[in-house]
Amino acid sequence: MTDGRAAPSRRGLLGLGLMAAAVTSCGTRTLDPAPHPSPDSGAASPQRAGLRTENPEKTEQALPGTPDWEITNPGPSGAIEGFSDRVSVLPGEQLGLHVSTPAAAYTISAYRIGWYGGARARLIWRREHVPGTKQAAPHVDGTTRTVLTGWQRTVAVDTSGWPEGAYLVRLDAEDGSGQRYVPLTVRSATTAGRTVVMSAPATWQAYNEWGGYSLYNGPTGGLATRSLKVTFDRPYGYDHGAGLFLVYEAPLVALAERLGLPLAYTTGIDVAREPGLLHGATAVLSLGHDEYWSPEQRANVVAARDAGTNLAILGANCCFRRVRFEPSDVGPDRTVVCYKDAWAKDPGHQAGAPATTDFRAGSGADPESSMLGVIYDGYPVDAPYVVGSPDHWAFEGTGVAAGASFPHLVGVEYDKVDTAFPTPRPIEVIAHSPVVCEGRHSYADTAYYTVPSGAGVFATGTMRWVETLDANGPGGTSADHGIDAKAGDLVRKVTENVLRTFAAGPAGRAHPAHDNLAAVYGGQ
């Protein structure tokens, strides 16, 4: 979606294939079941919680899942909604929930998202009969058009005994009027020797339209009234937050856990805040829709790459927007600032902070391709994915031949290799898929490059990669967009190859990239 258009409609949660809201149109490319814990239980027992051992993922995934974790009755707006005062916590830390409901009481259930034999989630903690409170209506800051709630904390939650991982905290009004999710990461204190699952809450919040405003839209449906800053101190709209997580992240979490890889969990906000967090990590995973990054997050990921940590970009439009995190009344790093084309009016930038606009634009332009290898090229497309280098290690075991085509796998946003922007070399394009985007002919590229540290960087070039993991796959639903099981089989196997290879250490040592841009594009 080009800024200024209305955000695309989405068809709901639970892996039904949200249409990704893109950011630059093709014509405006710019350079510048486990036994349930007892009600009101606190820390789960060691067995139930899957407390960390030498191989904690196998311990946790050996437990049965909980089949009834999904929302079945969202109810009307206002039936129940809430937010957490922490985007992520370490196990054992406390978080506060700020919940509003007219119901007399509600239930809180914390589900860890994973594999669990395909069940996709396990109930870790539950508290019933929490007294309901209807909180005040939000107000909007007149300068930045930020939606502010001022809601009071209604319950404190102790996460002692909760395993690290990606969570959905479900709020159920006990009068049956509605349900909502609050996403949460129980993060890892160390990532050494592990593959890091890096969730993208800044992107979720950028698209969140709760209260009538997002970083894209306001009451007029466009730039003129959109927010310049958005805050985590508000609930997510039904299709945002958990909705984006379930489509663009949860299928990858399930696959990685099924493979039994040593995993660490974090968010882009934590990576920005802690320069040493990625020290010793074998790989960092950016998932399906990971658009909004701070300069600190990017610098810390690049430093990890240059120290030998592999990087996989399992989506498209990654690291496109440069943001700044600011505190709110609730805590630090609770506000996402992105003035976009109005960056020169940002008081923070006027005081010396980097411009909050596209990484490739504005003051201090730094195109994302220098980290990714590929660069965002446009929206919207729907095109077949075309294999170019079937002998590449990423395609091992797929049985594909050169020219093999997988309908609808490229979309709705896409990336390509473009040496008009900074491009690491050597770089291999292993899938080169023709697209037509608003009348302009281009390509979507899956690419792999290596750096002197030995790290490998793999980028899929299509936003539909992670959701395709669920295309008629075990434990998931069929992906949307007409993507079939054949594409699902390909994506699952390639992703498995990448994850296993990257988990073994710097991939470039065993698999150095062999530059093929001259053959693919000619003259580059």
Protein backbone atom coordinates (compact mmCIF):
# COMPACT_ATOMS: atom_id res chain seq x y z
CA MET A 1 0.00 0.00 0.00
CA THR A 2 1.37 3.37 -0.95
CA ASP A 3 1.08 5.83 1.92
CA GLY A 4 -2.08 7.79 1.40
CA ARG A 5 -4.24 4.90 0.28
CA ALA A 6 -6.61 3.20 2.64
CA ALA A 7 -5.10 0.17 4.29
CA PRO A 8 -6.06 -3.08 2.54
CA SER A 9 -8.85 -5.01 4.20
CA ARG A 10 -7.87 -8.15 6.05
CA ARG A 11 -9.88 -11.31 6.39
CA GLY A 12 -9.27 -11.96 10.05
CA LEU A 13 -6.93 -13.84 12.29
CA LEU A 14 -5.73 -17.41 12.61
CA GLY A 15 -3.61 -17.87 9.55
CA LEU A 16 -6.27 -17.01 6.99
CA GLY A 17 -3.74 -15.08 4.92
CA LEU A 18 -3.85 -11.39 5.72
CA MET A 19 -3.24 -9.18 2.75
CA ALA A 20 -0.04 -7.35 3.53
CA ALA A 21 -0.25 -3.58 3.61
CA ALA A 22 2.72 -2.47 1.57
CA VAL A 23 4.48 0.82 1.59
CA THR A 24 5.74 1.92 -1.80
CA SER A 25 3.85 1.40 -5.03
CA CYS A 26 5.59 0.02 -8.08
CA GLY A 27 5.44 3.38 -9.75
CA THR A 28 7.00 5.43 -6.93
CA ARG A 29 10.28 3.70 -6.21
CA THR A 30 12.58 6.11 -4.38
CA LEU A 31 16.33 6.25 -4.04
CA ASP A 32 16.57 8.95 -1.40
CA PRO A 33 -3.40 -30.82 24.88
CA ALA A 34 -1.38 -30.43 28.15
CA PRO A 35 -3.33 -30.76 31.38
CA HIS A 36 -4.58 -27.27 31.97
CA PRO A 37 -3.11 -25.36 34.88
CA SER A 38 -5.59 -24.89 37.65
CA PRO A 39 -7.54 -21.63 37.66
CA ASP A 40 -5.58 -18.68 39.05
CA SER A 41 -2.41 -20.73 38.98
CA GLY A 42 0.82 -18.81 39.08
CA ALA A 43 4.03 -20.52 38.02
CA ALA A 44 3.41 -23.77 36.22
CA SER A 45 5.07 -26.90 37.51
CA PRO A 46 8.55 -27.62 36.08
CA GLN A 47 7.20 -30.42 33.90
CA ARG A 48 4.24 -28.41 32.67
CA ALA A 49 6.32 -25.28 32.09
CA GLY A 50 9.06 -27.13 30.25
CA LEU A 51 11.82 -25.42 32.22
CA ARG A 52 15.09 -25.13 30.36
CA THR A 53 17.45 -28.07 30.26
CA GLU A 54 20.39 -28.73 27.95
CA ASN A 55 17.94 -29.13 25.06
CA PRO A 56 14.92 -27.13 26.23
CA GLU A 57 13.05 -27.02 22.94
CA LYS A 58 12.81 -30.82 22.81
CA THR A 59 11.62 -30.88 26.41
CA GLU A 60 8.93 -28.29 25.75
CA GLN A 61 7.81 -29.77 22.44
CA ALA A 62 7.45 -33.24 23.96
CA LEU A 63 4.44 -31.91 25.86
CA PRO A 64 0.95 -32.11 24.38
CA GLY A 65 -0.64 -28.95 23.07
CA THR A 66 -3.95 -27.30 23.83
CA PRO A 67 -6.40 -27.55 20.94
CA ASP A 68 -8.84 -24.81 22.00
CA TRP A 69 -6.45 -21.84 22.04
CA GLU A 70 -7.93 -20.03 19.06
CA ILE A 71 -10.39 -17.16 19.26
CA THR A 72 -13.82 -18.30 18.10
CA ASN A 73 -15.91 -15.30 19.21
CA PRO A 74 -14.16 -11.94 18.86
CA GLY A 75 -17.38 -10.12 19.59
CA PRO A 76 -18.06 -6.46 18.91
CA SER A 77 -15.56 -3.67 19.44
CA GLY A 78 -15.35 -2.84 23.12
CA ALA A 79 -16.63 -6.20 24.37
CA ILE A 80 -13.18 -6.86 25.81
CA GLU A 81 -9.77 -5.49 24.90
CA GLY A 82 -6.49 -4.79 26.58
CA PHE A 83 -2.75 -4.37 26.34
CA SER A 84 0.35 -5.42 28.24
CA ASP A 85 2.70 -2.87 29.78
CA ARG A 86 5.61 -4.99 28.50
CA VAL A 87 6.20 -6.01 24.88
CA SER A 88 8.57 -8.69 26.17
CA VAL A 89 9.65 -10.07 29.53
CA LEU A 90 12.32 -12.40 30.81
CA PRO A 91 10.93 -15.55 32.46
CA GLY A 92 9.96 -14.67 36.01
CA GLU A 93 9.41 -10.97 35.38
CA GLN A 94 6.06 -9.40 36.10
CA LEU A 95 3.87 -7.70 33.55
CA GLY A 96 0.73 -5.68 33.94
CA LEU A 97 -2.42 -6.03 31.86
CA HIS A 98 -4.62 -3.02 31.21
CA VAL A 99 -8.03 -4.44 30.31
CA SER A 100 -11.36 -2.79 29.56
CA THR A 101 -14.65 -4.68 29.44
CA PRO A 102 -18.25 -4.05 30.48
CA ALA A 103 -18.46 -7.72 31.49
CA ALA A 104 -18.55 -8.41 35.22
CA ALA A 105 -15.56 -10.75 34.97
CA TYR A 106 -13.12 -12.19 32.48
CA THR A 107 -10.56 -14.99 32.13
CA ILE A 108 -6.90 -14.60 31.17
CA SER A 109 -5.17 -17.52 29.43
CA ALA A 110 -1.50 -17.47 28.36
CA TYR A 111 -0.76 -19.72 25.38
CA ARG A 112 2.75 -20.43 24.17
CA ILE A 113 2.85 -20.78 20.37
CA GLY A 114 4.99 -23.62 19.05
CA TRP A 115 4.82 -27.08 17.54
CA TYR A 116 3.28 -29.48 20.10
CA GLY A 117 2.69 -32.25 17.59
CA GLY A 118 0.96 -29.75 15.33
CA ALA A 119 -1.42 -28.36 17.95
CA ARG A 120 0.37 -24.98 17.53
CA ALA A 121 -0.12 -23.81 21.15
CA ARG A 122 0.00 -24.89 24.80
CA LEU A 123 -1.78 -23.37 27.78
CA ILE A 124 0.85 -22.22 30.28
CA TRP A 125 -1.15 -20.17 32.78
CA ARG A 126 -4.74 -19.16 33.46
CA ARG A 127 -6.59 -16.89 35.85
CA GLU A 128 -10.39 -16.88 35.99
CA HIS A 129 -12.99 -14.52 37.43
CA VAL A 130 -10.92 -11.36 37.17
CA PRO A 131 -13.28 -8.45 37.94
CA GLY A 132 -14.16 -6.48 34.81
CA THR A 133 -13.68 -2.73 34.50
CA LYS A 134 -14.86 -0.42 31.75
CA GLN A 135 -12.03 2.04 31.19
CA ALA A 136 -12.26 5.57 29.82
CA ALA A 137 -12.48 6.36 26.12
CA PRO A 138 -9.13 7.20 24.49
CA HIS A 139 -8.08 10.67 23.49
CA VAL A 140 -5.82 11.84 20.66
CA ASP A 141 -2.78 14.06 21.03
CA GLY A 142 -3.38 17.16 18.95
CA THR A 143 0.21 17.46 17.71
CA THR A 144 1.22 13.91 16.80
CA ARG A 145 -2.28 12.40 16.54
CA THR A 146 -1.21 9.62 18.88
CA VAL A 147 -4.05 7.60 20.42
CA LEU A 148 -3.66 7.68 24.21
CA THR A 149 -5.68 5.59 26.64
CA GLY A 150 -4.51 6.44 30.13
CA TRP A 151 -5.94 3.08 31.21
CA GLN A 152 -5.16 1.78 34.66
CA ARG A 153 -3.49 -1.57 35.24
CA THR A 154 -6.14 -4.13 36.12
CA VAL A 155 -4.07 -7.23 36.90
CA ALA A 156 -0.44 -8.19 37.51
CA VAL A 157 0.89 -11.42 35.98
CA ASP A 158 3.93 -13.27 37.31
CA THR A 159 5.70 -15.20 34.54
CA SER A 160 7.76 -17.42 36.83
CA GLY A 161 8.11 -20.84 35.22
CA TRP A 162 6.97 -19.69 31.79
CA PRO A 163 9.21 -21.11 29.05
CA GLU A 164 10.83 -18.69 26.64
CA GLY A 165 8.83 -18.27 23.48
CA ALA A 166 6.15 -16.42 21.56
CA TYR A 167 2.86 -16.06 23.44
CA LEU A 168 -0.71 -15.02 22.89
CA VAL A 169 -2.50 -13.97 26.05
CA ARG A 170 -6.22 -14.46 25.48
CA LEU A 171 -8.85 -12.37 27.21
CA ASP A 172 -12.30 -13.98 27.44
CA ALA A 173 -15.29 -11.99 28.73
CA GLU A 174 -17.08 -14.45 31.00
CA ASP A 175 -20.50 -13.30 29.77
CA GLY A 176 -19.54 -14.68 26.36
CA SER A 177 -19.53 -11.27 24.68
CA GLY A 178 -16.04 -11.46 23.17
CA GLN A 179 -12.41 -12.53 23.11
CA ARG A 180 -9.15 -10.78 22.25
CA TYR A 181 -5.44 -11.57 22.13
CA VAL A 182 -2.56 -9.67 23.67
CA PRO A 183 0.75 -10.75 22.04
CA LEU A 184 3.80 -11.19 24.26
CA THR A 185 7.36 -12.46 23.92
CA VAL A 186 8.97 -14.27 26.85
CA ARG A 187 12.43 -13.48 25.70
CA SER A 188 15.81 -15.14 26.03
CA ALA A 189 18.49 -13.51 28.16
CA THR A 190 21.20 -15.04 25.98
CA THR A 191 21.27 -16.13 22.35
CA ALA A 192 24.70 -17.78 22.18
CA GLY A 193 24.62 -21.00 20.16
CA ARG A 194 21.00 -20.50 19.18
CA THR A 195 18.86 -19.46 16.24
CA VAL A 196 17.12 -16.22 17.19
CA VAL A 197 13.44 -15.74 16.38
CA MET A 198 13.11 -11.95 16.22
CA SER A 199 9.48 -10.81 16.35
CA ALA A 200 8.42 -7.50 14.81
CA PRO A 201 6.12 -5.66 17.25
CA ALA A 202 7.13 -2.24 15.88
CA THR A 203 5.59 -3.26 12.54
CA TRP A 204 2.47 -4.61 14.24
CA GLN A 205 2.02 -1.30 16.04
CA ALA A 206 2.64 0.76 12.88
CA TYR A 207 -0.38 -0.89 11.24
CA ASN A 208 -2.55 -0.91 14.37
CA GLU A 209 -5.65 1.21 13.78
CA TRP A 210 -7.18 0.89 17.23
CA GLY A 211 -8.70 4.24 18.16
CA GLY A 212 -8.92 5.28 14.51
CA TYR A 213 -5.26 6.06 13.83
CA SER A 214 -2.14 4.24 12.62
CA LEU A 215 1.11 5.31 10.98
CA TYR A 216 -0.82 4.98 7.69
CA ASN A 217 -4.33 6.23 8.28
CA GLY A 218 -6.41 8.62 10.31
CA PRO A 219 -10.08 9.55 10.09
CA THR A 220 -9.66 10.72 6.48
CA GLY A 221 -8.04 7.42 5.48
CA GLY A 222 -4.66 8.82 4.55
CA LEU A 223 -1.52 10.77 5.30
CA ALA A 224 -3.11 14.06 6.23
CA THR A 225 -4.53 12.75 9.49
CA ARG A 226 -2.37 9.71 10.26
CA SER A 227 -0.37 9.39 13.46
CA LEU A 228 3.24 10.54 13.54
CA LYS A 229 3.79 8.47 16.66
CA VAL A 230 1.96 5.35 17.83
CA THR A 231 2.12 3.73 21.23
CA PHE A 232 1.98 0.25 22.73
CA ASP A 233 -0.21 1.75 25.47
CA ARG A 234 -3.37 0.75 23.60
CA PRO A 235 -4.97 -2.50 22.47
CA TYR A 236 -4.44 -3.89 19.01
CA GLY A 237 -7.25 -3.90 16.52
CA TYR A 238 -8.57 -7.39 15.86
CA ASP A 239 -6.56 -7.86 12.66
CA HIS A 240 -3.32 -6.37 13.98
CA GLY A 241 -0.83 -7.49 16.57
CA ALA A 242 -1.85 -11.11 16.93
CA GLY A 243 -3.24 -11.08 13.41
CA LEU A 244 0.10 -10.17 11.87
CA PHE A 245 1.94 -12.54 14.19
CA LEU A 246 -0.29 -15.51 13.31
CA VAL A 247 0.17 -15.09 9.56
CA TYR A 248 3.75 -13.85 9.27
CA GLU A 249 5.50 -15.42 12.26
CA ALA A 250 3.69 -18.35 13.90
CA PRO A 251 4.15 -20.82 11.00
CA LEU A 252 7.92 -20.30 11.16
CA VAL A 253 7.97 -20.71 14.94
CA ALA A 254 6.14 -24.03 14.56
CA LEU A 255 8.53 -25.29 11.88
CA ALA A 256 11.67 -24.27 13.78
CA GLU A 257 10.42 -25.98 16.93
CA ARG A 258 9.42 -29.10 14.99
CA LEU A 259 13.00 -29.32 13.73
CA GLY A 260 14.28 -29.32 17.31
CA LEU A 261 16.71 -26.47 16.76
CA PRO A 262 18.16 -24.60 19.75
CA LEU A 263 16.09 -21.41 19.65
CA ALA A 264 16.13 -18.04 21.36
CA TYR A 265 13.23 -15.60 21.32
CA THR A 266 13.38 -11.82 21.24
CA THR A 267 11.94 -8.76 19.53
CA GLY A 268 13.42 -6.06 17.34
CA ILE A 269 12.96 -3.64 20.24
CA ASP A 270 15.11 -5.80 22.52
CA VAL A 271 17.79 -6.15 19.84
CA ALA A 272 17.86 -2.35 19.52
CA ARG A 273 18.11 -1.87 23.28
CA GLU A 274 20.83 -4.45 24.01
CA PRO A 275 23.92 -4.23 21.75
CA GLY A 276 25.33 -7.52 23.03
CA LEU A 277 22.15 -9.55 22.87
CA LEU A 278 23.07 -11.33 19.62
CA HIS A 279 26.61 -12.19 20.73
CA GLY A 280 27.36 -15.78 19.74
CA ALA A 281 24.01 -16.42 18.04
CA THR A 282 24.22 -18.85 15.14
CA ALA A 283 21.47 -17.12 13.17
CA VAL A 284 18.93 -14.32 13.33
CA LEU A 285 15.54 -14.75 11.66
CA SER A 286 13.57 -11.80 10.34
CA LEU A 287 10.09 -13.09 9.62
CA GLY A 288 7.38 -12.39 7.05
CA HIS A 289 6.56 -8.72 7.67
CA ASP A 290 9.34 -6.89 9.50
CA GLU A 291 9.21 -3.41 8.01
CA TYR A 292 9.94 -0.98 10.86
CA TRP A 293 13.46 -0.95 12.35
CA SER A 294 15.42 1.51 14.41
CA PRO A 295 19.00 2.35 13.40
CA GLU A 296 20.17 0.66 16.61
CA GLN A 297 18.45 -2.61 15.72
CA ARG A 298 19.96 -2.55 12.26
CA ALA A 299 23.46 -1.73 13.56
CA ASN A 300 23.32 -4.57 16.07
CA VAL A 301 22.15 -7.11 13.49
CA VAL A 302 24.88 -6.01 11.07
CA ALA A 303 27.48 -6.28 13.84
CA ALA A 304 26.29 -9.83 14.56
CA ARG A 305 26.53 -10.70 10.85
CA ASP A 306 30.05 -9.32 10.74
CA ALA A 307 30.95 -11.49 13.73
CA GLY A 308 29.72 -14.67 12.00
CA THR A 309 25.99 -14.80 12.78
CA ASN A 310 23.88 -15.86 9.80
CA LEU A 311 20.84 -13.81 8.83
CA ALA A 312 17.66 -15.07 7.17
CA ILE A 313 15.05 -12.65 5.83
CA LEU A 314 11.97 -14.83 5.43
CA GLY A 315 9.74 -12.18 3.93
CA ALA A 316 9.97 -8.96 1.96
CA ASN A 317 9.95 -5.21 2.68
CA CYS A 318 12.25 -5.83 5.66
CA CYS A 319 13.97 -2.87 7.36
CA PHE A 320 12.25 -0.37 5.07
CA ARG A 321 11.18 2.26 7.60
CA ARG A 322 13.58 3.92 10.04
CA VAL A 323 11.94 4.56 13.42
CA ARG A 324 12.83 5.91 16.84
CA PHE A 325 11.60 4.50 20.11
CA GLU A 326 10.54 6.88 22.85
CA PRO A 327 9.12 6.32 26.34
CA SER A 328 5.50 6.68 27.33
CA ASP A 329 3.90 7.19 30.72
CA VAL A 330 3.93 3.40 31.08
CA GLY A 331 7.61 2.72 30.39
CA PRO A 332 10.61 2.96 28.04
CA ASP A 333 10.49 2.21 24.31
CA ARG A 334 6.69 2.27 24.27
CA THR A 335 6.31 4.80 21.44
CA VAL A 336 7.16 4.20 17.77
CA VAL A 337 8.06 7.43 15.97
CA CYS A 338 7.95 7.62 12.17
CA TYR A 339 7.23 10.95 10.49
CA LYS A 340 7.85 9.43 7.02
CA ASP A 341 7.69 12.16 4.36
CA ALA A 342 7.33 14.82 7.09
CA TRP A 343 10.64 13.78 8.66
CA ALA A 344 12.11 17.28 8.56
CA LYS A 345 9.37 18.44 10.95
CA ASP A 346 10.22 15.77 13.54
CA PRO A 347 11.44 17.58 16.69
CA GLY A 348 13.65 14.61 17.48
CA HIS A 349 15.39 14.88 14.14
CA GLN A 350 15.73 18.64 14.59
CA ALA A 351 17.54 17.83 17.84
CA GLY A 352 19.97 15.51 16.04
CA ALA A 353 18.24 12.12 15.84
CA PRO A 354 18.20 10.21 12.52
CA ALA A 355 15.33 11.02 10.19
CA THR A 356 12.31 8.80 10.80
CA THR A 357 11.50 7.95 7.21
CA ASP A 358 12.49 5.28 4.69
CA PHE A 359 16.04 4.04 5.24
CA ARG A 360 16.84 4.85 1.61
CA ALA A 361 15.45 8.40 1.81
CA GLY A 362 15.86 11.66 3.65
CA SER A 363 18.77 12.87 5.72
CA GLY A 364 21.38 10.13 6.20
CA ALA A 365 19.91 7.82 3.57
CA ASP A 366 21.16 4.25 4.05
CA PRO A 367 19.38 1.76 1.76
CA GLU A 368 18.50 -1.52 3.42
CA SER A 369 20.13 -3.54 0.64
CA SER A 370 23.57 -3.22 2.23
CA MET A 371 22.32 -5.55 4.97
CA LEU A 372 19.73 -7.62 3.11
CA GLY A 373 21.35 -8.09 -0.29
CA VAL A 374 17.93 -7.41 -1.82
CA ILE A 375 15.88 -4.23 -1.77
CA TYR A 376 12.16 -3.59 -1.65
CA ASP A 377 10.86 -2.98 -5.17
CA GLY A 378 7.10 -2.60 -5.04
CA TYR A 379 3.48 -3.45 -4.35
CA PRO A 380 1.17 -5.10 -5.26
CA VAL A 381 2.05 -8.23 -7.19
CA ASP A 382 0.78 -11.77 -7.50
CA ALA A 383 3.14 -13.93 -9.53
CA PRO A 384 4.67 -17.40 -9.79
CA TYR A 385 7.92 -18.13 -7.99
CA VAL A 386 10.49 -19.31 -10.56
CA VAL A 387 13.54 -21.39 -9.59
CA GLY A 388 16.78 -20.29 -11.20
CA SER A 389 19.53 -22.37 -9.53
CA PRO A 390 18.11 -25.80 -8.63
CA ASP A 391 21.56 -27.11 -7.65
CA HIS A 392 21.94 -24.54 -4.88
CA TRP A 393 22.16 -26.06 -1.40
CA ALA A 394 18.96 -24.30 -0.35
CA PHE A 395 17.00 -26.39 -2.90
CA GLU A 396 18.57 -29.70 -1.87
CA GLY A 397 15.94 -32.41 -1.55
CA THR A 398 13.23 -30.44 -3.32
CA GLY A 399 13.62 -32.15 -6.69
CA VAL A 400 13.06 -28.90 -8.55
CA ALA A 401 14.46 -28.15 -11.99
CA ALA A 402 15.48 -24.83 -13.49
CA GLY A 403 12.38 -22.91 -14.44
CA ALA A 404 10.12 -24.74 -11.99
CA SER A 405 7.20 -22.43 -11.27
CA PHE A 406 4.98 -22.12 -8.17
CA PRO A 407 1.87 -19.99 -8.75
CA HIS A 408 1.03 -17.09 -6.42
CA LEU A 409 4.04 -17.56 -4.16
CA VAL A 410 5.41 -14.12 -5.04
CA GLY A 411 3.32 -11.40 -3.42
CA VAL A 412 1.98 -9.11 -2.23
CA GLU A 413 5.24 -7.19 -1.75
CA TYR A 414 8.55 -8.27 -3.20
CA ASP A 415 12.29 -7.58 -3.15
CA LYS A 416 14.98 -7.85 -5.81
CA VAL A 417 18.72 -7.47 -6.24
CA ASP A 418 19.41 -4.02 -7.65
CA THR A 419 22.99 -2.81 -7.90
CA ALA A 420 21.78 0.78 -8.24
CA PHE A 421 21.71 0.44 -4.45
CA PRO A 422 24.55 -0.80 -2.20
CA THR A 423 24.76 -4.55 -2.78
CA PRO A 424 27.08 -6.99 -0.95
CA ARG A 425 29.15 -9.23 -3.20
CA PRO A 426 29.46 -12.09 -3.92
CA ILE A 427 25.73 -12.64 -4.15
CA GLU A 428 23.75 -15.42 -5.83
CA VAL A 429 20.24 -15.08 -7.20
CA ILE A 430 18.74 -18.56 -6.88
CA ALA A 431 15.14 -17.73 -7.84
CA HIS A 432 14.36 -15.01 -10.37
CA SER A 433 10.64 -14.49 -10.78
CA PRO A 434 9.17 -12.11 -13.38
CA VAL A 435 6.53 -9.76 -11.98
CA VAL A 436 4.39 -6.96 -13.38
CA CYS A 437 3.68 -4.30 -10.81
CA GLU A 438 1.21 -1.60 -11.86
CA GLY A 439 2.36 -2.02 -15.45
CA ARG A 440 6.09 -2.04 -14.67
CA HIS A 441 8.02 -5.23 -15.49
CA SER A 442 10.50 -6.33 -12.83
CA TYR A 443 11.71 -9.39 -10.89
CA ALA A 444 11.42 -10.81 -7.41
CA ASP A 445 14.67 -12.45 -6.29
CA THR A 446 15.62 -15.03 -3.72
CA ALA A 447 19.26 -14.28 -2.99
CA TYR A 448 22.16 -15.53 -0.87
CA TYR A 449 25.40 -13.74 -0.10
CA THR A 450 28.33 -14.33 2.22
CA VAL A 451 30.71 -12.01 4.08
CA PRO A 452 34.32 -12.37 5.32
CA SER A 453 33.20 -13.43 8.81
CA GLY A 454 31.73 -16.55 7.21
CA ALA A 455 28.14 -15.49 7.81
CA GLY A 456 25.56 -16.25 5.17
CA VAL A 457 22.57 -14.04 4.43
CA PHE A 458 19.49 -15.55 2.78
CA ALA A 459 16.53 -13.46 1.59
CA THR A 460 13.35 -14.95 0.12
CA GLY A 461 12.22 -11.87 -1.84
CA THR A 462 8.50 -12.49 -1.22
CA MET A 463 6.26 -11.58 1.70
CA ARG A 464 4.21 -14.76 1.33
CA TRP A 465 7.05 -17.08 2.34
CA VAL A 466 6.17 -17.70 5.99
CA GLU A 467 2.43 -18.03 5.49
CA THR A 468 3.12 -20.57 2.71
CA LEU A 469 4.63 -22.85 5.36
CA ASP A 470 1.00 -23.57 6.24
CA ALA A 471 -0.10 -24.37 2.69
CA ASN A 472 -1.69 -27.77 3.35
CA GLY A 473 1.10 -28.48 5.79
CA PRO A 474 0.81 -30.57 8.95
CA GLY A 475 -0.54 -28.70 11.93
CA GLY A 476 -1.71 -25.67 9.98
CA THR A 477 -4.36 -24.38 7.64
CA SER A 478 -4.06 -23.83 3.92
CA ALA A 479 -2.49 -20.53 3.01
CA ASP A 480 -4.54 -17.99 1.13
CA HIS A 481 -4.00 -16.48 -2.32
CA GLY A 482 -4.41 -19.82 -4.13
CA ILE A 483 -1.02 -21.10 -2.99
CA ASP A 484 -1.06 -24.89 -3.23
CA ALA A 485 0.55 -27.82 -1.43
CA LYS A 486 3.30 -28.02 -4.04
CA ALA A 487 4.45 -24.53 -3.09
CA GLY A 488 4.06 -25.41 0.56
CA ASP A 489 6.30 -28.44 0.16
CA LEU A 490 8.96 -26.34 -1.57
CA VAL A 491 8.92 -23.56 1.01
CA ARG A 492 8.99 -25.96 3.96
CA LYS A 493 11.98 -27.87 2.56
CA VAL A 494 13.96 -24.77 1.56
CA THR A 495 13.28 -23.19 4.95
CA GLU A 496 14.37 -26.38 6.70
CA ASN A 497 17.59 -26.42 4.66
CA VAL A 498 18.31 -22.80 5.53
CA LEU A 499 17.51 -23.23 9.23
CA ARG A 500 19.58 -26.39 9.63
CA THR A 501 22.53 -24.96 7.68
CA PHE A 502 22.45 -21.66 9.55
CA ALA A 503 22.14 -23.40 12.94
CA ALA A 504 25.41 -25.25 12.25
CA GLY A 505 27.50 -22.06 12.25
CA PRO A 506 28.73 -19.51 9.71
CA ALA A 507 27.21 -20.84 6.50
CA GLY A 508 29.69 -19.17 4.18
CA ARG A 509 32.49 -21.43 5.35
CA ALA A 510 30.81 -24.52 3.90
CA HIS A 511 28.69 -22.71 1.32
CA PRO A 512 30.43 -19.59 -0.02
CA ALA A 513 28.29 -17.57 -2.39
CA HIS A 514 29.20 -17.69 -6.08
CA ASP A 515 28.26 -14.42 -7.70
CA ASN A 516 25.95 -14.84 -10.68
CA LEU A 517 24.54 -11.35 -11.23
CA ALA A 518 26.16 -11.02 -14.65
CA ALA A 519 24.39 -14.17 -15.80
CA VAL A 520 21.06 -13.27 -14.21
CA TYR A 521 20.86 -9.55 -14.96
CA GLY A 522 23.68 -9.00 -17.43
CA GLY A 523 26.38 -6.38 -17.01
CA GLN A 524 26.16 -6.10 -13.22
